[in-house]
PDB file of N, CA and C in Angstrom:
ATOM      1  N   UNK A   1      64.703 -17.149   5.706  1.00  0.00           N
ATOM      2  CA  UNK A   1      64.306 -18.142   4.597  1.00  0.00           C
ATOM      3  C   UNK A   1      62.818 -18.234   4.654  1.00  0.00           C
ATOM      4  N   UNK A   2      62.374 -18.426   5.874  1.00  0.00           N
ATOM      5  CA  UNK A   2      60.805 -18.607   6.037  1.00  0.00           C
ATOM      6  C   UNK A   2      60.257 -17.410   5.184  1.00  0.00           C
ATOM      7  N   UNK A   3      60.523 -16.182   5.688  1.00  0.00           N
ATOM      8  CA  UNK A   3      60.003 -14.788   4.808  1.00  0.00           C
ATOM      9  C   UNK A   3      59.891 -14.964   3.360  1.00  0.00           C
ATOM     10  N   UNK A   4      61.107 -15.536   2.891  1.00  0.00           N
ATOM     11  CA  UNK A   4      61.224 -15.779   1.547  1.00  0.00           C
ATOM     12  C   UNK A   4      60.357 -16.726   0.808  1.00  0.00           C
ATOM     13  N   UNK A   5      59.973 -17.752   1.535  1.00  0.00           N
ATOM     14  CA  UNK A   5      59.114 -18.942   1.197  1.00  0.00           C
ATOM     15  C   UNK A   5      57.497 -18.368   1.170  1.00  0.00           C
ATOM     16  N   UNK A   6      57.365 -17.748   2.335  1.00  0.00           N
ATOM     17  CA  UNK A   6      55.986 -17.042   2.501  1.00  0.00           C
ATOM     18  C   UNK A   6      55.765 -16.045   1.604  1.00  0.00           C
ATOM     19  N   UNK A   7      56.794 -15.196   1.289  1.00  0.00           N
ATOM     20  CA  UNK A   7      56.554 -13.947   0.218  1.00  0.00           C
ATOM     21  C   UNK A   7      56.300 -14.782  -1.163  1.00  0.00           C
ATOM     22  N   UNK A   8      57.122 -15.710  -1.475  1.00  0.00           N
ATOM     23  CA  UNK A   8      56.914 -16.423  -2.830  1.00  0.00           C
ATOM     24  C   UNK A   8      55.469 -16.940  -2.739  1.00  0.00           C
ATOM     25  N   UNK A   9      54.959 -17.559  -1.847  1.00  0.00           N
ATOM     26  CA  UNK A   9      53.645 -18.181  -1.824  1.00  0.00           C
ATOM     27  C   UNK A   9      52.541 -16.970  -1.893  1.00  0.00           C
ATOM     28  N   UNK A  10      52.846 -15.902  -1.300  1.00  0.00           N
ATOM     29  CA  UNK A  10      51.789 -14.881  -1.315  1.00  0.00           C
ATOM     30  C   UNK A  10      51.865 -14.082  -2.730  1.00  0.00           C
ATOM     31  N   UNK A  11      52.835 -13.809  -3.267  1.00  0.00           N
ATOM     32  CA  UNK A  11      52.975 -13.223  -4.476  1.00  0.00           C
ATOM     33  C   UNK A  11      52.529 -14.024  -5.667  1.00  0.00           C
ATOM     34  N   UNK A  12      52.880 -15.332  -5.584  1.00  0.00           N
ATOM     35  CA  UNK A  12      52.463 -16.108  -6.654  1.00  0.00           C
ATOM     36  C   UNK A  12      50.855 -16.260  -6.912  1.00  0.00           C
ATOM     37  N   UNK A  13      50.256 -15.932  -5.706  1.00  0.00           N
ATOM     38  CA  UNK A  13      48.688 -16.108  -5.915  1.00  0.00           C
ATOM     39  C   UNK A  13      48.081 -14.750  -6.203  1.00  0.00           C
ATOM     40  N   UNK A  14      48.790 -13.706  -6.477  1.00  0.00           N
ATOM     41  CA  UNK A  14      48.385 -12.266  -6.775  1.00  0.00           C
ATOM     42  C   UNK A  14      48.101 -12.178  -8.295  1.00  0.00           C
ATOM     43  N   UNK A  15      46.865 -11.804  -8.685  1.00  0.00           N
ATOM     44  CA  UNK A  15      46.712 -11.622 -10.300  1.00  0.00           C
ATOM     45  C   UNK A  15      47.633 -10.730 -10.832  1.00  0.00           C
ATOM     46  N   UNK A  16      47.783 -10.858 -12.077  1.00  0.00           N
ATOM     47  CA  UNK A  16      48.845  -9.905 -12.775  1.00  0.00           C
ATOM     48  C   UNK A  16      48.490  -8.532 -12.758  1.00  0.00           C
ATOM     49  N   UNK A  17      47.089  -8.242 -12.817  1.00  0.00           N
ATOM     50  CA  UNK A  17      46.536  -6.749 -12.637  1.00  0.00           C
ATOM     51  C   UNK A  17      47.079  -6.151 -11.422  1.00  0.00           C
ATOM     52  N   UNK A  18      47.377  -6.872 -10.417  1.00  0.00           N
ATOM     53  CA  UNK A  18      47.613  -6.209  -9.154  1.00  0.00           C
ATOM     54  C   UNK A  18      48.989  -6.145  -8.796  1.00  0.00           C
ATOM     55  N   UNK A  19      49.808  -6.712  -9.774  1.00  0.00           N
ATOM     56  CA  UNK A  19      51.330  -6.433  -9.381  1.00  0.00           C
ATOM     57  C   UNK A  19      51.908  -5.167  -9.365  1.00  0.00           C
ATOM     58  N   UNK A  20      51.413  -4.377 -10.281  1.00  0.00           N
ATOM     59  CA  UNK A  20      51.990  -2.948 -10.374  1.00  0.00           C
ATOM     60  C   UNK A  20      51.603  -2.098  -8.939  1.00  0.00           C
ATOM     61  N   UNK A  21      50.341  -2.003  -8.626  1.00  0.00           N
ATOM     62  CA  UNK A  21      50.139  -1.371  -7.332  1.00  0.00           C
ATOM     63  C   UNK A  21      50.868  -1.887  -6.121  1.00  0.00           C
ATOM     64  N   UNK A  22      50.971  -3.358  -6.111  1.00  0.00           N
ATOM     65  CA  UNK A  22      51.699  -4.053  -5.157  1.00  0.00           C
ATOM     66  C   UNK A  22      53.110  -3.589  -5.177  1.00  0.00           C
ATOM     67  N   UNK A  23      53.767  -3.630  -6.366  1.00  0.00           N
ATOM     68  CA  UNK A  23      55.145  -3.024  -6.149  1.00  0.00           C
ATOM     69  C   UNK A  23      55.310  -1.686  -5.957  1.00  0.00           C
ATOM     70  N   UNK A  24      54.583  -0.923  -6.260  1.00  0.00           N
ATOM     71  CA  UNK A  24      54.512   0.534  -5.929  1.00  0.00           C
ATOM     72  C   UNK A  24      54.522   0.768  -4.373  1.00  0.00           C
ATOM     73  N   UNK A  25      53.577  -0.029  -3.850  1.00  0.00           N
ATOM     74  CA  UNK A  25      53.575   0.001  -2.501  1.00  0.00           C
ATOM     75  C   UNK A  25      54.830  -0.442  -1.774  1.00  0.00           C
ATOM     76  N   UNK A  26      55.353  -1.492  -2.076  1.00  0.00           N
ATOM     77  CA  UNK A  26      56.451  -1.963  -1.518  1.00  0.00           C
ATOM     78  C   UNK A  26      57.727  -1.130  -1.825  1.00  0.00           C
ATOM     79  N   UNK A  27      57.759  -0.389  -3.037  1.00  0.00           N
ATOM     80  CA  UNK A  27      58.867   0.446  -3.179  1.00  0.00           C
ATOM     81  C   UNK A  27      58.724   1.661  -2.415  1.00  0.00           C
ATOM     82  N   UNK A  28      57.639   2.180  -1.871  1.00  0.00           N
ATOM     83  CA  UNK A  28      57.422   3.312  -1.016  1.00  0.00           C
ATOM     84  C   UNK A  28      57.781   2.910   0.382  1.00  0.00           C
ATOM     85  N   UNK A  29      57.465   1.778   0.858  1.00  0.00           N
ATOM     86  CA  UNK A  29      57.817   1.259   1.970  1.00  0.00           C
ATOM     87  C   UNK A  29      59.406   1.033   2.057  1.00  0.00           C
ATOM     88  N   UNK A  30      60.004   0.400   0.990  1.00  0.00           N
ATOM     89  CA  UNK A  30      61.431   0.242   1.008  1.00  0.00           C
ATOM     90  C   UNK A  30      62.090   1.703   1.051  1.00  0.00           C
ATOM     91  N   UNK A  31      61.681   2.619   0.426  1.00  0.00           N
ATOM     92  CA  UNK A  31      62.193   3.951   0.384  1.00  0.00           C
ATOM     93  C   UNK A  31      62.220   4.504   1.815  1.00  0.00           C
ATOM     94  N   UNK A  32      61.244   4.282   2.725  1.00  0.00           N
ATOM     95  CA  UNK A  32      61.241   4.626   4.091  1.00  0.00           C
ATOM     96  C   UNK A  32      62.300   3.966   4.839  1.00  0.00           C
ATOM     97  N   UNK A  33      62.536   2.668   4.582  1.00  0.00           N
ATOM     98  CA  UNK A  33      63.445   1.889   5.284  1.00  0.00           C
ATOM     99  C   UNK A  33      64.821   2.387   5.035  1.00  0.00           C
ATOM    100  N   UNK A  34      64.990   2.795   3.630  1.00  0.00           N
ATOM    101  CA  UNK A  34      66.268   3.268   3.313  1.00  0.00           C
ATOM    102  C   UNK A  34      66.684   4.573   3.969  1.00  0.00           C
ATOM    103  N   UNK A  35      65.562   5.563   4.030  1.00  0.00           N
ATOM    104  CA  UNK A  35      65.779   6.710   4.643  1.00  0.00           C
ATOM    105  C   UNK A  35      66.211   6.541   6.225  1.00  0.00           C
ATOM    106  N   UNK A  36      65.543   5.644   6.837  1.00  0.00           N
ATOM    107  CA  UNK A  36      65.831   5.155   8.247  1.00  0.00           C
ATOM    108  C   UNK A  36      67.248   4.700   8.389  1.00  0.00           C
ATOM    109  N   UNK A  37      67.599   3.890   7.497  1.00  0.00           N
ATOM    110  CA  UNK A  37      68.867   3.345   7.444  1.00  0.00           C
ATOM    111  C   UNK A  37      69.884   4.568   7.412  1.00  0.00           C
ATOM    112  N   UNK A  38      69.781   5.513   6.528  1.00  0.00           N
ATOM    113  CA  UNK A  38      70.658   6.548   6.290  1.00  0.00           C
ATOM    114  C   UNK A  38      70.886   7.525   7.708  1.00  0.00           C
ATOM    115  N   UNK A  39      69.687   7.694   8.262  1.00  0.00           N
ATOM    116  CA  UNK A  39      69.728   8.380   9.374  1.00  0.00           C
ATOM    117  C   UNK A  39      70.291   7.588  10.602  1.00  0.00           C
ATOM    118  N   UNK A  40      70.238   6.456  10.723  1.00  0.00           N
ATOM    119  CA  UNK A  40      70.926   5.506  11.767  1.00  0.00           C
ATOM    120  C   UNK A  40      72.328   5.611  11.382  1.00  0.00           C
ATOM    121  N   UNK A  41      72.667   5.269  10.158  1.00  0.00           N
ATOM    122  CA  UNK A  41      74.232   5.310   9.806  1.00  0.00           C
ATOM    123  C   UNK A  41      74.901   6.718  10.261  1.00  0.00           C
ATOM    124  N   UNK A  42      74.196   7.815   9.909  1.00  0.00           N
ATOM    125  CA  UNK A  42      74.623   9.207  10.137  1.00  0.00           C
ATOM    126  C   UNK A  42      74.771   9.416  11.664  1.00  0.00           C
ATOM    127  N   UNK A  43      73.963   8.918  12.484  1.00  0.00           N
ATOM    128  CA  UNK A  43      73.936   9.251  13.900  1.00  0.00           C
ATOM    129  C   UNK A  43      74.604   8.291  14.930  1.00  0.00           C
ATOM    130  N   UNK A  44      74.489   6.914  14.540  1.00  0.00           N
ATOM    131  CA  UNK A  44      74.871   6.083  15.620  1.00  0.00           C
ATOM    132  C   UNK A  44      75.953   5.174  15.324  1.00  0.00           C
ATOM    133  N   UNK A  45      76.292   4.858  14.097  1.00  0.00           N
ATOM    134  CA  UNK A  45      77.323   3.906  13.696  1.00  0.00           C
ATOM    135  C   UNK A  45      78.471   4.579  13.913  1.00  0.00           C
ATOM    136  N   UNK A  46      79.615   3.921  14.656  1.00  0.00           N
ATOM    137  CA  UNK A  46      80.937   4.425  14.830  1.00  0.00           C
ATOM    138  C   UNK A  46      82.054   3.483  14.424  1.00  0.00           C
ATOM    139  N   UNK A  47      81.705   2.152  14.734  1.00  0.00           N
ATOM    140  CA  UNK A  47      82.845   1.216  14.245  1.00  0.00           C
ATOM    141  C   UNK A  47      82.864   0.978  12.680  1.00  0.00           C
ATOM    142  N   UNK A  48      83.989   0.754  12.240  1.00  0.00           N
ATOM    143  CA  UNK A  48      84.119   0.494  10.831  1.00  0.00           C
ATOM    144  C   UNK A  48      83.390  -0.672  10.291  1.00  0.00           C
ATOM    145  N   UNK A  49      83.359  -1.632  10.893  1.00  0.00           N
ATOM    146  CA  UNK A  49      82.482  -2.757  10.497  1.00  0.00           C
ATOM    147  C   UNK A  49      80.953  -2.557  10.388  1.00  0.00           C
ATOM    148  N   UNK A  50      80.605  -1.721  11.518  1.00  0.00           N
ATOM    149  CA  UNK A  50      79.126  -1.359  11.428  1.00  0.00           C
ATOM    150  C   UNK A  50      78.801  -0.314  10.272  1.00  0.00           C
ATOM    151  N   UNK A  51      79.590   0.466  10.119  1.00  0.00           N
ATOM    152  CA  UNK A  51      79.315   1.453   8.921  1.00  0.00           C
ATOM    153  C   UNK A  51      79.449   0.545   7.479  1.00  0.00           C
ATOM    154  N   UNK A  52      80.243  -0.355   7.585  1.00  0.00           N
ATOM    155  CA  UNK A  52      80.503  -1.267   6.349  1.00  0.00           C
ATOM    156  C   UNK A  52      79.026  -1.988   6.162  1.00  0.00           C
ATOM    157  N   UNK A  53      78.509  -2.709   7.211  1.00  0.00           N
ATOM    158  CA  UNK A  53      77.303  -3.427   7.111  1.00  0.00           C
ATOM    159  C   UNK A  53      76.138  -2.424   6.665  1.00  0.00           C
ATOM    160  N   UNK A  54      76.063  -1.331   7.149  1.00  0.00           N
ATOM    161  CA  UNK A  54      75.102  -0.408   6.825  1.00  0.00           C
ATOM    162  C   UNK A  54      75.020   0.077   5.460  1.00  0.00           C
ATOM    163  N   UNK A  55      76.303   0.442   5.033  1.00  0.00           N
ATOM    164  CA  UNK A  55      76.484   0.664   3.766  1.00  0.00           C
ATOM    165  C   UNK A  55      76.091  -0.307   2.605  1.00  0.00           C
ATOM    166  N   UNK A  56      76.575  -1.586   2.876  1.00  0.00           N
ATOM    167  CA  UNK A  56      76.036  -2.724   2.174  1.00  0.00           C
ATOM    168  C   UNK A  56      74.557  -2.969   2.127  1.00  0.00           C
ATOM    169  N   UNK A  57      73.891  -2.866   3.207  1.00  0.00           N
ATOM    170  CA  UNK A  57      72.376  -2.952   3.366  1.00  0.00           C
ATOM    171  C   UNK A  57      71.878  -1.810   2.585  1.00  0.00           C
ATOM    172  N   UNK A  58      72.290  -0.703   2.618  1.00  0.00           N
ATOM    173  CA  UNK A  58      71.762   0.584   1.960  1.00  0.00           C
ATOM    174  C   UNK A  58      71.948   0.459   0.462  1.00  0.00           C
ATOM    175  N   UNK A  59      73.019  -0.085   0.037  1.00  0.00           N
ATOM    176  CA  UNK A  59      73.395  -0.269  -1.379  1.00  0.00           C
ATOM    177  C   UNK A  59      72.486  -1.280  -2.036  1.00  0.00           C
ATOM    178  N   UNK A  60      72.122  -2.403  -1.180  1.00  0.00           N
ATOM    179  CA  UNK A  60      71.193  -3.435  -1.684  1.00  0.00           C
ATOM    180  C   UNK A  60      69.691  -2.844  -1.834  1.00  0.00           C
ATOM    181  N   UNK A  61      69.213  -2.336  -0.677  1.00  0.00           N
ATOM    182  CA  UNK A  61      68.174  -1.377  -0.738  1.00  0.00           C
ATOM    183  C   UNK A  61      67.781  -0.593  -1.801  1.00  0.00           C
ATOM    184  N   UNK A  62      68.762   0.114  -2.022  1.00  0.00           N
ATOM    185  CA  UNK A  62      68.744   1.223  -3.156  1.00  0.00           C
ATOM    186  C   UNK A  62      68.509   0.353  -4.634  1.00  0.00           C
ATOM    187  N   UNK A  63      69.436  -0.646  -4.829  1.00  0.00           N
ATOM    188  CA  UNK A  63      69.308  -1.464  -5.959  1.00  0.00           C
ATOM    189  C   UNK A  63      67.862  -1.909  -6.048  1.00  0.00           C
ATOM    190  N   UNK A  64      67.328  -2.512  -4.949  1.00  0.00           N
ATOM    191  CA  UNK A  64      65.997  -2.946  -4.986  1.00  0.00           C
ATOM    192  C   UNK A  64      65.004  -2.001  -5.376  1.00  0.00           C
ATOM    193  N   UNK A  65      64.893  -0.749  -4.743  1.00  0.00           N
ATOM    194  CA  UNK A  65      63.920   0.098  -5.101  1.00  0.00           C
ATOM    195  C   UNK A  65      64.039   0.760  -6.500  1.00  0.00           C
ATOM    196  N   UNK A  66      65.378   0.895  -7.028  1.00  0.00           N
ATOM    197  CA  UNK A  66      65.520   1.362  -8.338  1.00  0.00           C
ATOM    198  C   UNK A  66      64.960   0.316  -9.358  1.00  0.00           C
ATOM    199  N   UNK A  67      65.429  -0.944  -9.115  1.00  0.00           N
ATOM    200  CA  UNK A  67      64.912  -2.073  -9.967  1.00  0.00           C
ATOM    201  C   UNK A  67      63.357  -2.157  -9.917  1.00  0.00           C
ATOM    202  N   UNK A  68      62.764  -1.944  -8.685  1.00  0.00           N
ATOM    203  CA  UNK A  68      61.261  -2.062  -8.648  1.00  0.00           C
ATOM    204  C   UNK A  68      60.636  -0.991  -9.298  1.00  0.00           C
ATOM    205  N   UNK A  69      61.215   0.297  -9.354  1.00  0.00           N
ATOM    206  CA  UNK A  69      60.548   1.365 -10.151  1.00  0.00           C
ATOM    207  C   UNK A  69      60.903   1.161 -11.508  1.00  0.00           C
ATOM    208  N   UNK A  70      61.883   0.435 -12.052  1.00  0.00           N
ATOM    209  CA  UNK A  70      61.978   0.299 -13.520  1.00  0.00           C
ATOM    210  C   UNK A  70      60.962  -0.732 -13.880  1.00  0.00           C
ATOM    211  N   UNK A  71      60.752  -1.849 -13.189  1.00  0.00           N
ATOM    212  CA  UNK A  71      59.965  -2.889 -13.487  1.00  0.00           C
ATOM    213  C   UNK A  71      58.366  -2.381 -13.375  1.00  0.00           C
ATOM    214  N   UNK A  72      58.120  -1.424 -12.445  1.00  0.00           N
ATOM    215  CA  UNK A  72      56.803  -0.788 -12.404  1.00  0.00           C
ATOM    216  C   UNK A  72      56.630   0.087 -13.653  1.00  0.00           C
ATOM    217  N   UNK A  73      57.599   0.785 -14.047  1.00  0.00           N
ATOM    218  CA  UNK A  73      57.455   1.642 -15.301  1.00  0.00           C
ATOM    219  C   UNK A  73      57.295   0.740 -16.431  1.00  0.00           C
ATOM    220  N   UNK A  74      57.873  -0.332 -16.565  1.00  0.00           N
ATOM    221  CA  UNK A  74      57.706  -1.163 -17.699  1.00  0.00           C
ATOM    222  C   UNK A  74      56.429  -1.903 -17.705  1.00  0.00           C
ATOM    223  N   UNK A  75      55.901  -2.264 -16.640  1.00  0.00           N
ATOM    224  CA  UNK A  75      54.555  -2.889 -16.467  1.00  0.00           C
ATOM    225  C   UNK A  75      53.531  -1.675 -16.749  1.00  0.00           C
ATOM    226  N   UNK A  76      53.588  -0.599 -16.471  1.00  0.00           N
ATOM    227  CA  UNK A  76      52.647   0.473 -16.763  1.00  0.00           C
ATOM    228  C   UNK A  76      52.641   0.707 -18.116  1.00  0.00           C
ATOM    229  N   UNK A  77      53.946   0.644 -18.833  1.00  0.00           N
ATOM    230  CA  UNK A  77      54.020   1.072 -20.190  1.00  0.00           C
ATOM    231  C   UNK A  77      53.465  -0.092 -20.970  1.00  0.00           C
ATOM    232  N   UNK A  78      52.999  -1.148 -20.475  1.00  0.00           N
ATOM    233  CA  UNK A  78      52.346  -2.337 -21.197  1.00  0.00           C
ATOM    234  C   UNK A  78      50.869  -1.866 -21.384  1.00  0.00           C
ATOM    235  N   UNK A  79      50.378  -0.989 -20.751  1.00  0.00           N
ATOM    236  CA  UNK A  79      48.810  -0.552 -20.470  1.00  0.00           C
ATOM    237  C   UNK A  79      48.548   0.667 -21.451  1.00  0.00           C
ATOM    238  N   UNK A  80      49.706   1.159 -21.998  1.00  0.00           N
ATOM    239  CA  UNK A  80      49.618   2.463 -22.769  1.00  0.00           C
ATOM    240  C   UNK A  80      49.366   2.132 -24.153  1.00  0.00           C
ATOM    241  N   UNK A  81      48.410   3.041 -24.718  1.00  0.00           N
ATOM    242  CA  UNK A  81      48.172   2.590 -26.265  1.00  0.00           C
ATOM    243  C   UNK A  81      49.183   2.953 -27.150  1.00  0.00           C
ATOM    244  N   UNK A  82      49.588   2.108 -28.055  1.00  0.00           N
ATOM    245  CA  UNK A  82      50.767   2.268 -28.860  1.00  0.00           C
ATOM    246  C   UNK A  82      50.104   3.345 -29.941  1.00  0.00           C
ATOM    247  N   UNK A  83      51.191   4.289 -30.181  1.00  0.00           N
ATOM    248  CA  UNK A  83      50.770   5.268 -31.245  1.00  0.00           C
ATOM    249  C   UNK A  83      50.610   4.692 -32.732  1.00  0.00           C
ATOM    250  N   UNK A  84      49.691   5.192 -33.394  1.00  0.00           N
ATOM    251  CA  UNK A  84      49.565   4.720 -34.776  1.00  0.00           C
ATOM    252  C   UNK A  84      50.602   5.445 -35.666  1.00  0.00           C
ATOM    253  N   UNK A  85      51.190   4.658 -36.406  1.00  0.00           N
ATOM    254  CA  UNK A  85      52.210   5.157 -37.415  1.00  0.00           C
ATOM    255  C   UNK A  85      51.569   5.694 -38.644  1.00  0.00           C
ATOM    256  N   UNK A  86      51.920   6.892 -39.082  1.00  0.00           N
ATOM    257  CA  UNK A  86      51.399   7.603 -40.185  1.00  0.00           C
ATOM    258  C   UNK A  86      51.989   6.982 -41.460  1.00  0.00           C
ATOM    259  N   UNK A  87      51.122   6.919 -42.477  1.00  0.00           N
ATOM    260  CA  UNK A  87      51.887   6.276 -43.787  1.00  0.00           C
ATOM    261  C   UNK A  87      51.892   4.758 -43.800  1.00  0.00           C
ATOM    262  N   UNK A  88      51.655   4.073 -42.791  1.00  0.00           N
ATOM    263  CA  UNK A  88      51.615   2.750 -42.826  1.00  0.00           C
ATOM    264  C   UNK A  88      50.118   2.094 -42.967  1.00  0.00           C
ATOM    265  N   UNK A  89      49.591   2.009 -44.079  1.00  0.00           N
ATOM    266  CA  UNK A  89      48.172   1.601 -44.495  1.00  0.00           C
ATOM    267  C   UNK A  89      48.099   0.105 -44.869  1.00  0.00           C
ATOM    268  N   UNK A  90      47.170  -0.551 -44.175  1.00  0.00           N
ATOM    269  CA  UNK A  90      47.001  -1.988 -44.743  1.00  0.00           C
ATOM    270  C   UNK A  90      45.843  -2.170 -45.654  1.00  0.00           C
ATOM    271  N   UNK A  91      45.053  -1.007 -46.019  1.00  0.00           N
ATOM    272  CA  UNK A  91      43.977  -1.036 -46.812  1.00  0.00           C
ATOM    273  C   UNK A  91      44.476  -1.448 -48.309  1.00  0.00           C
ATOM    274  N   UNK A  92      45.544  -1.236 -48.734  1.00  0.00           N
ATOM    275  CA  UNK A  92      45.945  -1.392 -50.176  1.00  0.00           C
ATOM    276  C   UNK A  92      46.035  -2.865 -50.503  1.00  0.00           C
TER     277      UNK A  92
END
């Protein structure tokens, strides 16, 4: 819970222009964590409940990474120039 409060306090003070690089960095870190979880799951987990816990953790982590990439893509799309429509003239 303390990590959640500290994370909220830190993120709320970050300017909007830095959110995209920050999310990209955390997505990369979380991807490494997921890879480590998959390796540990494949080598050491033998009990059914241990595998279940690892599976749930990896599932939630995957949802977090995919969601983070979708949000990052959407934020980067806000900085792209919109294509001009042909035939729509406001000079008339």
